């Protein structure tokens, strides 16, 4: 069963300089109880993808084509009230900055009680459920923690509180938007282990957005590589990390410090920058930075399948 199926999604933003095409022909699937990672540089469309799924595009943004099927319902066709009803019990989100996600002037207990406004439970029962989920994310003395405010928690504990709040409604899909970026390496590992444990307990699917390739390799079943608003490669974590078929995927992996065999004063980078979405190249979007580009790259690139479940948008993909 597929919980989320995005097919041929196009998203544009109206600007004073004309339309900005943020996403073009994006397709991916998140299976039931599966964890799918989305990776790519800043500006590749990851946040726009999340906002399109959640129905939270800016006022000048619009879906130009394609569909976003959540449990069989096309989210692009739902009314605002229907989308609001879906957020929380259907799709929950853990954001990158837990301090920005939590209200600094309200206690944790008040915030966790407020998000249960749809529940028929009484106040004491809602508080008990809140404390139960704080214990699940290993917050010590959970009952006392309900009376504390966000500034009284460390960064790692605030992120755990945010995870508890997202999972309280036991959603079918959890979107984790770079939830470990603000944490140090030790807390990052602990948070990833905790997230995977809770995902297995609740049985939800996860769409995990991250820059950290090591975290994605550890946590995710499947990986989607995005560049300049397009999906340039997707497949299982084993396929993408062991045998990347798109030059961009391969270069991203080469830039991972964890893969460096020895110390170096300079870390590897990909020369150039992501193209301006208002002036997309006519052919392959990565051609301007690709060390393997040839004349054929001037033409638009279609998807090429190498093996079941593994696709790359590059004419060199089949050659490896």
C-alpha atoms as a PDB file:
ATOM      1  CA  UNK A   1       0.000   0.000   0.000  1.00  0.00           C
ATOM      2  CA  UNK A   2       1.214   3.516  -0.844  1.00  0.00           C
ATOM      3  CA  UNK A   3       0.475   6.265   1.687  1.00  0.00           C
ATOM      4  CA  UNK A   4       1.757   9.184  -0.414  1.00  0.00           C
ATOM      5  CA  UNK A   5       2.071   9.183  -4.207  1.00  0.00           C
ATOM      6  CA  UNK A   6       3.271  12.353  -5.927  1.00  0.00           C
ATOM      7  CA  UNK A   7       2.951  12.206  -9.708  1.00  0.00           C
ATOM      8  CA  UNK A   8       4.247  14.760 -12.221  1.00  0.00           C
ATOM      9  CA  UNK A   9       4.027  17.639  -9.725  1.00  0.00           C
ATOM     10  CA  UNK A  10       4.708  21.148 -11.049  1.00  0.00           C
ATOM     11  CA  UNK A  11       4.801  24.172  -8.731  1.00  0.00           C
ATOM     12  CA  UNK A  12       5.363  27.801  -9.757  1.00  0.00           C
ATOM     13  CA  UNK A  13       5.560  31.154  -7.977  1.00  0.00           C
ATOM     14  CA  UNK A  14       4.496  34.448  -9.517  1.00  0.00           C
ATOM     15  CA  UNK A  15       7.177  37.126  -9.173  1.00  0.00           C
ATOM     16  CA  UNK A  16       7.837  40.587 -10.522  1.00  0.00           C
ATOM     17  CA  UNK A  17      10.306  39.029 -12.978  1.00  0.00           C
ATOM     18  CA  UNK A  18       7.846  36.411 -14.209  1.00  0.00           C
ATOM     19  CA  UNK A  19       6.981  32.891 -13.115  1.00  0.00           C
ATOM     20  CA  UNK A  20       9.510  30.984 -11.050  1.00  0.00           C
ATOM     21  CA  UNK A  21       9.221  27.236 -11.678  1.00  0.00           C
ATOM     22  CA  UNK A  22      10.171  25.741  -8.330  1.00  0.00           C
ATOM     23  CA  UNK A  23       9.205  22.105  -9.026  1.00  0.00           C
ATOM     24  CA  UNK A  24       9.027  20.365 -12.389  1.00  0.00           C
ATOM     25  CA  UNK A  25       7.614  16.883 -13.013  1.00  0.00           C
ATOM     26  CA  UNK A  26       8.345  15.615  -9.494  1.00  0.00           C
ATOM     27  CA  UNK A  27       7.267  12.040  -8.796  1.00  0.00           C
ATOM     28  CA  UNK A  28       7.871   9.885  -5.724  1.00  0.00           C
ATOM     29  CA  UNK A  29       6.101   7.391  -3.496  1.00  0.00           C
ATOM     30  CA  UNK A  30       6.113   6.751   0.249  1.00  0.00           C
ATOM     31  CA  UNK A  31       4.933   3.202   1.050  1.00  0.00           C
ATOM     32  CA  UNK A  32       3.042   2.220   4.186  1.00  0.00           C
ATOM     33  CA  UNK A  33       5.425   1.998   7.173  1.00  0.00           C
ATOM     34  CA  UNK A  34       8.291   3.045   4.885  1.00  0.00           C
ATOM     35  CA  UNK A  35      10.874   5.812   5.372  1.00  0.00           C
ATOM     36  CA  UNK A  36      11.809   7.807   2.268  1.00  0.00           C
ATOM     37  CA  UNK A  37      14.652  10.316   2.371  1.00  0.00           C
ATOM     38  CA  UNK A  38      14.857  13.407   0.155  1.00  0.00           C
ATOM     39  CA  UNK A  39      18.331  14.901  -0.316  1.00  0.00           C
ATOM     40  CA  UNK A  40      19.848  17.745  -2.309  1.00  0.00           C
ATOM     41  CA  UNK A  41      21.531  21.110  -1.906  1.00  0.00           C
ATOM     42  CA  UNK A  42      19.730  24.179  -0.592  1.00  0.00           C
ATOM     43  CA  UNK A  43      17.526  25.617  -3.318  1.00  0.00           C
ATOM     44  CA  UNK A  44      16.717  22.234  -4.887  1.00  0.00           C
ATOM     45  CA  UNK A  45      13.012  22.364  -3.993  1.00  0.00           C
ATOM     46  CA  UNK A  46      12.813  20.209  -0.855  1.00  0.00           C
ATOM     47  CA  UNK A  47      10.949  22.795   1.244  1.00  0.00           C
ATOM     48  CA  UNK A  48       8.626  23.664  -1.637  1.00  0.00           C
ATOM     49  CA  UNK A  49       7.787  19.978  -1.963  1.00  0.00           C
ATOM     50  CA  UNK A  50       6.850  19.793   1.730  1.00  0.00           C
ATOM     51  CA  UNK A  51       4.728  22.946   1.564  1.00  0.00           C
ATOM     52  CA  UNK A  52       2.919  21.641  -1.504  1.00  0.00           C
ATOM     53  CA  UNK A  53       2.062  18.402   0.311  1.00  0.00           C
ATOM     54  CA  UNK A  54       0.859  20.305   3.380  1.00  0.00           C
ATOM     55  CA  UNK A  55      -1.100  22.850   1.338  1.00  0.00           C
ATOM     56  CA  UNK A  56       1.024  25.670   2.775  1.00  0.00           C
ATOM     57  CA  UNK A  57       2.418  27.301  -0.362  1.00  0.00           C
ATOM     58  CA  UNK A  58       2.789  31.076  -0.211  1.00  0.00           C
ATOM     59  CA  UNK A  59      -0.006  33.184  -1.688  1.00  0.00           C
ATOM     60  CA  UNK A  60       1.929  33.608  -4.926  1.00  0.00           C
ATOM     61  CA  UNK A  61       2.537  29.867  -5.255  1.00  0.00           C
ATOM     62  CA  UNK A  62       0.395  27.445  -7.215  1.00  0.00           C
ATOM     63  CA  UNK A  63       0.318  23.840  -8.345  1.00  0.00           C
ATOM     64  CA  UNK A  64       0.444  23.944 -12.149  1.00  0.00           C
ATOM     65  CA  UNK A  65       0.012  20.238 -12.746  1.00  0.00           C
ATOM     66  CA  UNK A  66       0.301  16.757 -11.374  1.00  0.00           C
ATOM     67  CA  UNK A  67      -1.247  15.203  -8.300  1.00  0.00           C
ATOM     68  CA  UNK A  68      -0.477  14.568  -4.626  1.00  0.00           C
ATOM     69  CA  UNK A  69      -2.347  11.458  -3.565  1.00  0.00           C
ATOM     70  CA  UNK A  70      -2.540  10.857   0.188  1.00  0.00           C
ATOM     71  CA  UNK A  71      -4.274   7.594   0.981  1.00  0.00           C
ATOM     72  CA  UNK A  72      -6.027   7.895  -2.366  1.00  0.00           C
ATOM     73  CA  UNK A  73      -7.194  11.516  -1.964  1.00  0.00           C
ATOM     74  CA  UNK A  74      -5.730  14.198  -4.232  1.00  0.00           C
ATOM     75  CA  UNK A  75      -4.574  16.933  -1.867  1.00  0.00           C
ATOM     76  CA  UNK A  76      -4.412  19.481  -4.687  1.00  0.00           C
ATOM     77  CA  UNK A  77      -8.206  19.307  -4.958  1.00  0.00           C
ATOM     78  CA  UNK A  78      -9.096  19.633  -1.262  1.00  0.00           C
ATOM     79  CA  UNK A  79     -10.664  22.763   0.182  1.00  0.00           C
ATOM     80  CA  UNK A  80      -8.684  24.672   2.852  1.00  0.00           C
ATOM     81  CA  UNK A  81     -10.947  23.343   5.623  1.00  0.00           C
ATOM     82  CA  UNK A  82     -10.362  19.769   4.450  1.00  0.00           C
ATOM     83  CA  UNK A  83      -6.596  20.311   4.490  1.00  0.00           C
ATOM     84  CA  UNK A  84      -6.737  21.744   8.012  1.00  0.00           C
ATOM     85  CA  UNK A  85      -8.634  18.678   9.186  1.00  0.00           C
ATOM     86  CA  UNK A  86      -5.982  16.452   7.625  1.00  0.00           C
ATOM     87  CA  UNK A  87      -2.984  18.128   9.274  1.00  0.00           C
ATOM     88  CA  UNK A  88      -2.234  16.408  12.557  1.00  0.00           C
ATOM     89  CA  UNK A  89      -4.207  13.156  12.499  1.00  0.00           C
ATOM     90  CA  UNK A  90      -3.363  12.483   8.835  1.00  0.00           C
ATOM     91  CA  UNK A  91      -0.067  14.282   8.184  1.00  0.00           C
ATOM     92  CA  UNK A  92       2.144  15.608  10.976  1.00  0.00           C
ATOM     93  CA  UNK A  93       5.382  17.567  10.694  1.00  0.00           C
ATOM     94  CA  UNK A  94       8.597  17.938  12.695  1.00  0.00           C
ATOM     95  CA  UNK A  95      10.365  21.128  11.657  1.00  0.00           C
ATOM     96  CA  UNK A  96      14.063  21.951  11.573  1.00  0.00           C
ATOM     97  CA  UNK A  97      14.040  24.535  14.364  1.00  0.00           C
ATOM     98  CA  UNK A  98      12.234  23.262  17.479  1.00  0.00           C
ATOM     99  CA  UNK A  99      12.426  26.690  19.139  1.00  0.00           C
ATOM    100  CA  UNK A 100      10.567  28.196  16.216  1.00  0.00           C
ATOM    101  CA  UNK A 101       7.980  25.405  16.306  1.00  0.00           C
ATOM    102  CA  UNK A 102       7.217  25.827  20.023  1.00  0.00           C
ATOM    103  CA  UNK A 103       5.437  28.843  21.519  1.00  0.00           C
ATOM    104  CA  UNK A 104       7.901  30.413  23.995  1.00  0.00           C
ATOM    105  CA  UNK A 105       5.212  31.922  26.261  1.00  0.00           C
ATOM    106  CA  UNK A 106       3.123  28.771  26.777  1.00  0.00           C
ATOM    107  CA  UNK A 107       4.031  25.740  28.853  1.00  0.00           C
ATOM    108  CA  UNK A 108       4.759  22.476  27.105  1.00  0.00           C
ATOM    109  CA  UNK A 109       1.683  20.947  28.752  1.00  0.00           C
ATOM    110  CA  UNK A 110      -0.576  23.726  27.465  1.00  0.00           C
ATOM    111  CA  UNK A 111       0.764  23.334  23.929  1.00  0.00           C
ATOM    112  CA  UNK A 112       0.411  19.547  23.961  1.00  0.00           C
ATOM    113  CA  UNK A 113      -3.103  19.847  25.341  1.00  0.00           C
ATOM    114  CA  UNK A 114      -4.078  22.429  22.734  1.00  0.00           C
ATOM    115  CA  UNK A 115      -3.090  20.235  19.790  1.00  0.00           C
ATOM    116  CA  UNK A 116      -5.529  17.598  21.066  1.00  0.00           C
ATOM    117  CA  UNK A 117      -8.471  19.937  20.523  1.00  0.00           C
ATOM    118  CA  UNK A 118     -10.174  17.384  18.280  1.00  0.00           C
ATOM    119  CA  UNK A 119     -10.082  14.740  21.021  1.00  0.00           C
ATOM    120  CA  UNK A 120     -13.152  14.162  23.263  1.00  0.00           C
ATOM    121  CA  UNK A 121     -10.865  13.458  26.245  1.00  0.00           C
ATOM    122  CA  UNK A 122     -11.003  15.690  29.323  1.00  0.00           C
ATOM    123  CA  UNK A 123      -8.160  17.944  30.446  1.00  0.00           C
ATOM    124  CA  UNK A 124      -6.616  15.485  32.888  1.00  0.00           C
ATOM    125  CA  UNK A 125      -6.760  12.687  30.324  1.00  0.00           C
ATOM    126  CA  UNK A 126      -5.113  14.895  27.697  1.00  0.00           C
ATOM    127  CA  UNK A 127      -2.353  15.766  30.178  1.00  0.00           C
ATOM    128  CA  UNK A 128      -1.856  12.086  30.936  1.00  0.00           C
ATOM    129  CA  UNK A 129      -1.540  11.331  27.223  1.00  0.00           C
ATOM    130  CA  UNK A 130       0.920  14.212  26.830  1.00  0.00           C
ATOM    131  CA  UNK A 131       3.052  12.860  29.666  1.00  0.00           C
ATOM    132  CA  UNK A 132       2.932   9.390  28.118  1.00  0.00           C
ATOM    133  CA  UNK A 133       4.391  10.687  24.849  1.00  0.00           C
ATOM    134  CA  UNK A 134       7.035  12.706  26.669  1.00  0.00           C
ATOM    135  CA  UNK A 135       8.104   9.486  28.353  1.00  0.00           C
ATOM    136  CA  UNK A 136       8.205   7.787  24.938  1.00  0.00           C
ATOM    137  CA  UNK A 137      10.720  10.364  23.747  1.00  0.00           C
ATOM    138  CA  UNK A 138      12.675   9.894  26.999  1.00  0.00           C
ATOM    139  CA  UNK A 139      11.992  13.232  28.656  1.00  0.00           C
ATOM    140  CA  UNK A 140      12.788  12.708  32.354  1.00  0.00           C
ATOM    141  CA  UNK A 141      10.055  13.385  34.929  1.00  0.00           C
ATOM    142  CA  UNK A 142       7.438  13.824  32.224  1.00  0.00           C
ATOM    143  CA  UNK A 143       4.650  15.075  34.506  1.00  0.00           C
ATOM    144  CA  UNK A 144       6.825  17.894  35.848  1.00  0.00           C
ATOM    145  CA  UNK A 145       8.054  18.702  32.331  1.00  0.00           C
ATOM    146  CA  UNK A 146       4.503  19.608  31.290  1.00  0.00           C
ATOM    147  CA  UNK A 147       4.673  22.701  33.495  1.00  0.00           C
ATOM    148  CA  UNK A 148       7.968  23.914  32.016  1.00  0.00           C
ATOM    149  CA  UNK A 149       8.435  26.354  29.130  1.00  0.00           C
ATOM    150  CA  UNK A 150      10.516  25.737  25.980  1.00  0.00           C
ATOM    151  CA  UNK A 151      13.469  27.851  27.173  1.00  0.00           C
ATOM    152  CA  UNK A 152      13.897  25.482  30.117  1.00  0.00           C
ATOM    153  CA  UNK A 153      14.812  22.602  27.790  1.00  0.00           C
ATOM    154  CA  UNK A 154      18.020  21.985  25.872  1.00  0.00           C
ATOM    155  CA  UNK A 155      17.975  21.959  22.061  1.00  0.00           C
ATOM    156  CA  UNK A 156      17.899  18.173  21.919  1.00  0.00           C
ATOM    157  CA  UNK A 157      15.067  17.952  24.439  1.00  0.00           C
ATOM    158  CA  UNK A 158      13.047  20.598  22.574  1.00  0.00           C
ATOM    159  CA  UNK A 159      13.377  18.526  19.417  1.00  0.00           C
ATOM    160  CA  UNK A 160      12.168  15.460  21.320  1.00  0.00           C
ATOM    161  CA  UNK A 161       9.168  17.439  22.554  1.00  0.00           C
ATOM    162  CA  UNK A 162       8.425  18.466  18.947  1.00  0.00           C
ATOM    163  CA  UNK A 163       8.610  14.815  17.865  1.00  0.00           C
ATOM    164  CA  UNK A 164       6.263  13.810  20.693  1.00  0.00           C
ATOM    165  CA  UNK A 165       3.771  16.499  19.660  1.00  0.00           C
ATOM    166  CA  UNK A 166       3.879  15.409  16.015  1.00  0.00           C
ATOM    167  CA  UNK A 167       3.299  11.743  16.860  1.00  0.00           C
ATOM    168  CA  UNK A 168       0.607  12.241  19.517  1.00  0.00           C
ATOM    169  CA  UNK A 169      -2.125  12.111  16.898  1.00  0.00           C
ATOM    170  CA  UNK A 170      -0.617   8.900  15.475  1.00  0.00           C
ATOM    171  CA  UNK A 171      -0.556  10.216  11.889  1.00  0.00           C
ATOM    172  CA  UNK A 172      -0.368   8.061   8.793  1.00  0.00           C
ATOM    173  CA  UNK A 173       2.499  10.210   7.466  1.00  0.00           C
ATOM    174  CA  UNK A 174       5.195  12.071   9.367  1.00  0.00           C
ATOM    175  CA  UNK A 175       7.176  14.720   7.488  1.00  0.00           C
ATOM    176  CA  UNK A 176      10.526  15.340   9.179  1.00  0.00           C
ATOM    177  CA  UNK A 177      12.096  18.524   7.791  1.00  0.00           C
ATOM    178  CA  UNK A 178      15.800  18.312   8.668  1.00  0.00           C
ATOM    179  CA  UNK A 179      14.994  17.533  12.326  1.00  0.00           C
ATOM    180  CA  UNK A 180      18.627  16.953  13.335  1.00  0.00           C
ATOM    181  CA  UNK A 181      20.339  19.918  11.652  1.00  0.00           C
ATOM    182  CA  UNK A 182      20.533  22.019  14.836  1.00  0.00           C
ATOM    183  CA  UNK A 183      21.854  19.134  16.974  1.00  0.00           C
ATOM    184  CA  UNK A 184      25.398  18.009  17.663  1.00  0.00           C
ATOM    185  CA  UNK A 185      26.602  14.624  16.421  1.00  0.00           C
ATOM    186  CA  UNK A 186      25.790  12.704  19.623  1.00  0.00           C
ATOM    187  CA  UNK A 187      22.263  14.108  19.886  1.00  0.00           C
ATOM    188  CA  UNK A 188      21.757  13.563  16.168  1.00  0.00           C
ATOM    189  CA  UNK A 189      22.414   9.830  16.471  1.00  0.00           C
ATOM    190  CA  UNK A 190      20.173   9.543  19.535  1.00  0.00           C
ATOM    191  CA  UNK A 191      17.351  11.460  17.829  1.00  0.00           C
ATOM    192  CA  UNK A 192      17.523   9.296  14.711  1.00  0.00           C
ATOM    193  CA  UNK A 193      17.409   6.097  16.786  1.00  0.00           C
ATOM    194  CA  UNK A 194      14.448   7.481  18.721  1.00  0.00           C
ATOM    195  CA  UNK A 195      12.597   8.515  15.568  1.00  0.00           C
ATOM    196  CA  UNK A 196      13.007   5.079  14.019  1.00  0.00           C
ATOM    197  CA  UNK A 197      11.855   3.361  17.217  1.00  0.00           C
ATOM    198  CA  UNK A 198       8.729   5.519  17.462  1.00  0.00           C
ATOM    199  CA  UNK A 199       7.974   5.089  13.762  1.00  0.00           C
ATOM    200  CA  UNK A 200       7.984   1.322  14.226  1.00  0.00           C
ATOM    201  CA  UNK A 201       5.757   1.574  17.319  1.00  0.00           C
ATOM    202  CA  UNK A 202       3.150   3.816  15.706  1.00  0.00           C
ATOM    203  CA  UNK A 203       3.404   2.274  12.249  1.00  0.00           C
ATOM    204  CA  UNK A 204       3.435   5.553  10.325  1.00  0.00           C
ATOM    205  CA  UNK A 205       5.278   6.364   7.109  1.00  0.00           C
ATOM    206  CA  UNK A 206       8.024   9.008   7.108  1.00  0.00           C
ATOM    207  CA  UNK A 207       9.136  11.521   4.486  1.00  0.00           C
ATOM    208  CA  UNK A 208      12.560  12.563   5.787  1.00  0.00           C
ATOM    209  CA  UNK A 209      14.254  15.715   4.433  1.00  0.00           C
ATOM    210  CA  UNK A 210      17.958  16.118   5.141  1.00  0.00           C
ATOM    211  CA  UNK A 211      21.335  17.389   3.957  1.00  0.00           C
ATOM    212  CA  UNK A 212      23.078  14.729   6.024  1.00  0.00           C
ATOM    213  CA  UNK A 213      23.725  11.756   3.758  1.00  0.00           C
ATOM    214  CA  UNK A 214      24.955   9.570   6.611  1.00  0.00           C
ATOM    215  CA  UNK A 215      21.697  10.040   8.506  1.00  0.00           C
ATOM    216  CA  UNK A 216      19.668   9.244   5.382  1.00  0.00           C
ATOM    217  CA  UNK A 217      21.703   6.090   4.745  1.00  0.00           C
ATOM    218  CA  UNK A 218      21.156   4.969   8.339  1.00  0.00           C
ATOM    219  CA  UNK A 219      17.455   5.737   8.591  1.00  0.00           C
ATOM    220  CA  UNK A 220      15.804   5.529   5.178  1.00  0.00           C
ATOM    221  CA  UNK A 221      14.598   2.608   3.076  1.00  0.00           C
ATOM    222  CA  UNK A 222      14.438   4.627  -0.165  1.00  0.00           C
ATOM    223  CA  UNK A 223      16.142   7.818  -1.308  1.00  0.00           C
ATOM    224  CA  UNK A 224      15.062  10.612  -3.664  1.00  0.00           C
ATOM    225  CA  UNK A 225      17.761  12.971  -4.975  1.00  0.00           C
ATOM    226  CA  UNK A 226      16.517  16.424  -6.007  1.00  0.00           C
ATOM    227  CA  UNK A 227      18.313  19.079  -8.020  1.00  0.00           C
ATOM    228  CA  UNK A 228      16.935  22.415  -9.265  1.00  0.00           C
ATOM    229  CA  UNK A 229      13.347  21.365  -8.605  1.00  0.00           C
ATOM    230  CA  UNK A 230      13.601  17.985 -10.343  1.00  0.00           C
ATOM    231  CA  UNK A 231      14.011  14.423  -9.133  1.00  0.00           C
ATOM    232  CA  UNK A 232      17.266  13.372 -10.780  1.00  0.00           C
ATOM    233  CA  UNK A 233      17.543   9.954  -9.121  1.00  0.00           C
ATOM    234  CA  UNK A 234      15.517   7.700  -6.878  1.00  0.00           C
ATOM    235  CA  UNK A 235      15.865   4.159  -5.630  1.00  0.00           C
ATOM    236  CA  UNK A 236      16.545   2.130  -2.520  1.00  0.00           C
ATOM    237  CA  UNK A 237      19.168   3.482  -0.133  1.00  0.00           C
ATOM    238  CA  UNK A 238      21.427   0.601  -1.170  1.00  0.00           C
ATOM    239  CA  UNK A 239      21.045   1.394  -4.869  1.00  0.00           C
ATOM    240  CA  UNK A 240      21.591   5.144  -4.598  1.00  0.00           C
ATOM    241  CA  UNK A 241      24.455   5.040  -2.106  1.00  0.00           C
ATOM    242  CA  UNK A 242      26.284   2.036  -3.528  1.00  0.00           C
ATOM    243  CA  UNK A 243      25.737   2.583  -7.251  1.00  0.00           C
ATOM    244  CA  UNK A 244      24.667   6.198  -7.918  1.00  0.00           C
ATOM    245  CA  UNK A 245      23.753   6.593 -11.600  1.00  0.00           C
ATOM    246  CA  UNK A 246      23.312  10.354 -11.853  1.00  0.00           C
ATOM    247  CA  UNK A 247      26.508  12.479 -11.811  1.00  0.00           C
ATOM    248  CA  UNK A 248      24.949  14.819  -9.240  1.00  0.00           C
ATOM    249  CA  UNK A 249      24.244  11.941  -6.828  1.00  0.00           C
ATOM    250  CA  UNK A 250      27.802  10.677  -7.224  1.00  0.00           C
ATOM    251  CA  UNK A 251      29.274  14.126  -6.565  1.00  0.00           C
ATOM    252  CA  UNK A 252      27.070  14.629  -3.503  1.00  0.00           C
ATOM    253  CA  UNK A 253      28.400  11.390  -2.056  1.00  0.00           C
ATOM    254  CA  UNK A 254      31.979  12.432  -2.792  1.00  0.00           C
ATOM    255  CA  UNK A 255      31.384  15.599  -0.759  1.00  0.00           C
ATOM    256  CA  UNK A 256      30.343  13.633   2.340  1.00  0.00           C
ATOM    257  CA  UNK A 257      33.179  14.088   4.903  1.00  0.00           C
ATOM    258  CA  UNK A 258      32.433  10.646   6.366  1.00  0.00           C
ATOM    259  CA  UNK A 259      33.516   9.067   3.083  1.00  0.00           C
ATOM    260  CA  UNK A 260      36.917  10.749   3.017  1.00  0.00           C
ATOM    261  CA  UNK A 261      39.662   8.137   3.461  1.00  0.00           C
ATOM    262  CA  UNK A 262      42.022  10.602   5.119  1.00  0.00           C
ATOM    263  CA  UNK A 263      42.122  14.042   6.694  1.00  0.00           C
ATOM    264  CA  UNK A 264      42.290  17.059   4.427  1.00  0.00           C
ATOM    265  CA  UNK A 265      42.499  20.811   4.909  1.00  0.00           C
ATOM    266  CA  UNK A 266      39.801  21.376   2.284  1.00  0.00           C
ATOM    267  CA  UNK A 267      36.600  19.428   1.864  1.00  0.00           C
ATOM    268  CA  UNK A 268      35.458  18.586  -1.683  1.00  0.00           C
ATOM    269  CA  UNK A 269      32.673  20.687  -3.201  1.00  0.00           C
ATOM    270  CA  UNK A 270      30.659  20.717  -6.412  1.00  0.00           C
ATOM    271  CA  UNK A 271      31.816  23.703  -8.502  1.00  0.00           C
ATOM    272  CA  UNK A 272      29.157  26.215  -9.485  1.00  0.00           C
ATOM    273  CA  UNK A 273      25.702  26.711  -7.997  1.00  0.00           C
ATOM    274  CA  UNK A 274      22.095  25.649  -8.496  1.00  0.00           C
ATOM    275  CA  UNK A 275      20.664  27.483 -11.562  1.00  0.00           C
ATOM    276  CA  UNK A 276      18.194  30.321 -11.164  1.00  0.00           C
ATOM    277  CA  UNK A 277      14.714  28.736 -11.471  1.00  0.00           C
ATOM    278  CA  UNK A 278      13.567  31.771 -13.477  1.00  0.00           C
ATOM    279  CA  UNK A 279      16.122  30.927 -16.151  1.00  0.00           C
ATOM    280  CA  UNK A 280      16.282  27.163 -16.333  1.00  0.00           C
ATOM    281  CA  UNK A 281      18.593  25.611 -18.909  1.00  0.00           C
ATOM    282  CA  UNK A 282      16.762  24.003 -21.813  1.00  0.00           C
ATOM    283  CA  UNK A 283      18.474  20.634 -21.501  1.00  0.00           C
ATOM    284  CA  UNK A 284      19.747  18.795 -18.444  1.00  0.00           C
ATOM    285  CA  UNK A 285      19.476  21.067 -15.389  1.00  0.00           C
ATOM    286  CA  UNK A 286      22.814  19.806 -14.059  1.00  0.00           C
ATOM    287  CA  UNK A 287      24.776  20.119 -17.308  1.00  0.00           C
ATOM    288  CA  UNK A 288      26.382  23.435 -16.357  1.00  0.00           C
ATOM    289  CA  UNK A 289      28.147  21.815 -13.375  1.00  0.00           C
ATOM    290  CA  UNK A 290      28.569  18.268 -14.676  1.00  0.00           C
ATOM    291  CA  UNK A 291      32.130  17.054 -15.407  1.00  0.00           C
ATOM    292  CA  UNK A 292      30.714  14.363 -17.729  1.00  0.00           C
ATOM    293  CA  UNK A 293      28.535  16.589 -19.919  1.00  0.00           C
ATOM    294  CA  UNK A 294      28.444  16.007 -23.654  1.00  0.00           C
ATOM    295  CA  UNK A 295      26.427  17.454 -26.549  1.00  0.00           C
ATOM    296  CA  UNK A 296      23.489  15.164 -25.746  1.00  0.00           C
ATOM    297  CA  UNK A 297      23.035  17.018 -22.434  1.00  0.00           C
ATOM    298  CA  UNK A 298      21.640  20.005 -24.346  1.00  0.00           C
ATOM    299  CA  UNK A 299      18.391  18.085 -24.812  1.00  0.00           C
ATOM    300  CA  UNK A 300      15.870  17.489 -21.977  1.00  0.00           C
ATOM    301  CA  UNK A 301      16.589  14.280 -20.085  1.00  0.00           C
ATOM    302  CA  UNK A 302      13.919  11.681 -19.417  1.00  0.00           C
ATOM    303  CA  UNK A 303      13.822   9.058 -16.698  1.00  0.00           C
ATOM    304  CA  UNK A 304      15.844   5.912 -17.308  1.00  0.00           C
ATOM    305  CA  UNK A 305      15.367   2.763 -15.253  1.00  0.00           C
ATOM    306  CA  UNK A 306      18.423   0.588 -14.553  1.00  0.00           C
ATOM    307  CA  UNK A 307      16.824  -2.035 -12.318  1.00  0.00           C
ATOM    308  CA  UNK A 308      13.466  -2.358 -10.528  1.00  0.00           C
ATOM    309  CA  UNK A 309      12.922   0.702  -8.355  1.00  0.00           C
ATOM    310  CA  UNK A 310      16.064   2.549  -9.503  1.00  0.00           C
ATOM    311  CA  UNK A 311      15.690   5.549 -11.840  1.00  0.00           C
ATOM    312  CA  UNK A 312      17.980   8.367 -12.952  1.00  0.00           C
ATOM    313  CA  UNK A 313      17.303  11.359 -15.188  1.00  0.00           C
ATOM    314  CA  UNK A 314      20.508  11.158 -17.264  1.00  0.00           C
ATOM    315  CA  UNK A 315      21.380   9.671 -20.640  1.00  0.00           C
ATOM    316  CA  UNK A 316      24.534   8.203 -19.082  1.00  0.00           C
ATOM    317  CA  UNK A 317      22.625   6.377 -16.350  1.00  0.00           C
ATOM    318  CA  UNK A 318      22.357   3.041 -18.127  1.00  0.00           C
ATOM    319  CA  UNK A 319      26.099   3.030 -18.768  1.00  0.00           C
ATOM    320  CA  UNK A 320      26.811   3.469 -15.042  1.00  0.00           C
END
